[in-house]
Amino acid sequence: MPPAFQAIPIFRIFDVDKAKEFYVGFLGFHVDWEARFDETAPLYFQISSDGLLLHLSEHHGDACPGSTVTVQVTGPAGGL
């Protein structure tokens, strides 16, 4: 039976290219979707790896720079 809830951490990012280089290129996450209000608006997007979902945001009021989240895995987990 799937869990009754799922937490999705939001991380504040300051550079989309560097964030994608780290999360996608280095850790092996996949970009699921991206959202902007318009072409000049901050980017908000979801990445995933083996069922783990993370939201990354350029929005000024989202998340707190320097936050920490611990993710426990058993055995090799995708690119993590």
C-alpha atoms as a PDB file:
ATOM      1  CA  MET A   1       0.000   0.000   0.000  1.00  0.00           C
ATOM      2  CA  PRO A   2       1.457   3.431  -0.905  1.00  0.00           C
ATOM      3  CA  PRO A   3       2.097   5.893   1.917  1.00  0.00           C
ATOM      4  CA  ALA A   4      -0.735   8.219   2.924  1.00  0.00           C
ATOM      5  CA  PHE A   5       1.409  11.296   2.212  1.00  0.00           C
ATOM      6  CA  GLN A   6       4.600  12.358   0.494  1.00  0.00           C
ATOM      7  CA  ALA A   7       6.836  15.256   1.468  1.00  0.00           C
ATOM      8  CA  ILE A   8       8.403  17.192  -1.407  1.00  0.00           C
ATOM      9  CA  PRO A   9      11.240  19.481  -0.279  1.00  0.00           C
ATOM     10  CA  ILE A  10      11.650  22.832  -2.053  1.00  0.00           C
ATOM     11  CA  PHE A  11      15.195  24.096  -2.565  1.00  0.00           C
ATOM     12  CA  ARG A  12      15.932  27.706  -3.474  1.00  0.00           C
ATOM     13  CA  ILE A  13      18.273  27.992  -6.460  1.00  0.00           C
ATOM     14  CA  PHE A  14      20.067  31.026  -7.827  1.00  0.00           C
ATOM     15  CA  ASP A  15      21.346  29.680 -11.161  1.00  0.00           C
ATOM     16  CA  VAL A  16      19.211  27.283 -13.238  1.00  0.00           C
ATOM     17  CA  ASP A  17      22.117  26.019 -15.345  1.00  0.00           C
ATOM     18  CA  LYS A  18      24.270  25.248 -12.297  1.00  0.00           C
ATOM     19  CA  ALA A  19      21.332  23.597 -10.506  1.00  0.00           C
ATOM     20  CA  LYS A  20      20.640  21.357 -13.514  1.00  0.00           C
ATOM     21  CA  GLU A  21      24.351  20.589 -13.871  1.00  0.00           C
ATOM     22  CA  PHE A  22      24.414  19.375 -10.246  1.00  0.00           C
ATOM     23  CA  TYR A  23      21.042  17.648  -9.845  1.00  0.00           C
ATOM     24  CA  VAL A  24      20.661  16.243 -13.375  1.00  0.00           C
ATOM     25  CA  GLY A  25      24.238  15.961 -14.619  1.00  0.00           C
ATOM     26  CA  PHE A  26      25.988  14.891 -11.400  1.00  0.00           C
ATOM     27  CA  LEU A  27      23.270  13.228  -9.274  1.00  0.00           C
ATOM     28  CA  GLY A  28      21.250  11.741 -12.167  1.00  0.00           C
ATOM     29  CA  PHE A  29      17.826  13.292 -11.481  1.00  0.00           C
ATOM     30  CA  HIS A  30      15.349  13.844 -14.331  1.00  0.00           C
ATOM     31  CA  VAL A  31      13.461  17.088 -14.946  1.00  0.00           C
ATOM     32  CA  ASP A  32       9.735  16.212 -14.778  1.00  0.00           C
ATOM     33  CA  TRP A  33       8.267  19.645 -15.510  1.00  0.00           C
ATOM     34  CA  GLU A  34       9.082  23.350 -15.476  1.00  0.00           C
ATOM     35  CA  ALA A  35       6.796  26.324 -14.780  1.00  0.00           C
ATOM     36  CA  ARG A  36       7.137  30.071 -15.344  1.00  0.00           C
ATOM     37  CA  PHE A  37       4.447  32.752 -15.295  1.00  0.00           C
ATOM     38  CA  ASP A  38       6.125  34.316 -18.342  1.00  0.00           C
ATOM     39  CA  GLU A  39       9.530  34.220 -20.084  1.00  0.00           C
ATOM     40  CA  THR A  40      11.145  36.613 -17.589  1.00  0.00           C
ATOM     41  CA  ALA A  41       9.633  35.094 -14.430  1.00  0.00           C
ATOM     42  CA  PRO A  42      11.619  32.904 -12.018  1.00  0.00           C
ATOM     43  CA  LEU A  43      11.671  29.191 -12.816  1.00  0.00           C
ATOM     44  CA  TYR A  44       9.990  26.571 -10.595  1.00  0.00           C
ATOM     45  CA  PHE A  45      10.520  22.929 -11.535  1.00  0.00           C
ATOM     46  CA  GLN A  46      10.328  19.354 -10.326  1.00  0.00           C
ATOM     47  CA  ILE A  47      13.080  16.771 -10.539  1.00  0.00           C
ATOM     48  CA  SER A  48      12.895  13.102  -9.630  1.00  0.00           C
ATOM     49  CA  SER A  49      14.988   9.984  -9.137  1.00  0.00           C
ATOM     50  CA  ASP A  50      13.651   6.569  -8.129  1.00  0.00           C
ATOM     51  CA  GLY A  51      10.476   8.011  -6.574  1.00  0.00           C
ATOM     52  CA  LEU A  52      12.217  10.885  -4.769  1.00  0.00           C
ATOM     53  CA  LEU A  53      10.708  14.231  -5.805  1.00  0.00           C
ATOM     54  CA  LEU A  54      12.360  17.612  -5.263  1.00  0.00           C
ATOM     55  CA  HIS A  55      11.139  21.062  -6.250  1.00  0.00           C
ATOM     56  CA  LEU A  56      13.706  23.695  -7.233  1.00  0.00           C
ATOM     57  CA  SER A  57      12.732  27.341  -7.261  1.00  0.00           C
ATOM     58  CA  GLU A  58      14.212  30.676  -8.304  1.00  0.00           C
ATOM     59  CA  HIS A  59      11.329  32.496  -6.569  1.00  0.00           C
ATOM     60  CA  HIS A  60      12.558  34.952  -3.933  1.00  0.00           C
ATOM     61  CA  GLY A  61      10.082  33.839  -1.234  1.00  0.00           C
ATOM     62  CA  ASP A  62      10.498  30.073  -1.697  1.00  0.00           C
ATOM     63  CA  ALA A  63      12.559  28.062   0.757  1.00  0.00           C
ATOM     64  CA  CYS A  64      15.569  29.236   2.709  1.00  0.00           C
ATOM     65  CA  PRO A  65      19.083  29.252   1.240  1.00  0.00           C
ATOM     66  CA  GLY A  66      21.296  26.859   3.171  1.00  0.00           C
ATOM     67  CA  SER A  67      18.523  24.421   4.138  1.00  0.00           C
ATOM     68  CA  THR A  68      19.342  20.755   4.625  1.00  0.00           C
ATOM     69  CA  VAL A  69      17.269  17.659   3.874  1.00  0.00           C
ATOM     70  CA  THR A  70      18.373  14.110   4.661  1.00  0.00           C
ATOM     71  CA  VAL A  71      17.333  11.361   2.247  1.00  0.00           C
ATOM     72  CA  GLN A  72      17.900   7.770   3.312  1.00  0.00           C
ATOM     73  CA  VAL A  73      18.364   5.158   0.575  1.00  0.00           C
ATOM     74  CA  THR A  74      19.024   1.445   0.625  1.00  0.00           C
ATOM     75  CA  GLY A  75      21.470   0.123  -1.933  1.00  0.00           C
ATOM     76  CA  PRO A  76      22.231   1.906  -5.198  1.00  0.00           C
ATOM     77  CA  ALA A  77      19.439   4.332  -6.060  1.00  0.00           C
ATOM     78  CA  GLY A  78      19.538   5.575  -9.644  1.00  0.00           C
ATOM     79  CA  GLY A  79      22.043   8.377  -9.892  1.00  0.00           C
ATOM     80  CA  LEU A  80      22.065   9.073  -6.146  1.00  0.00           C
END
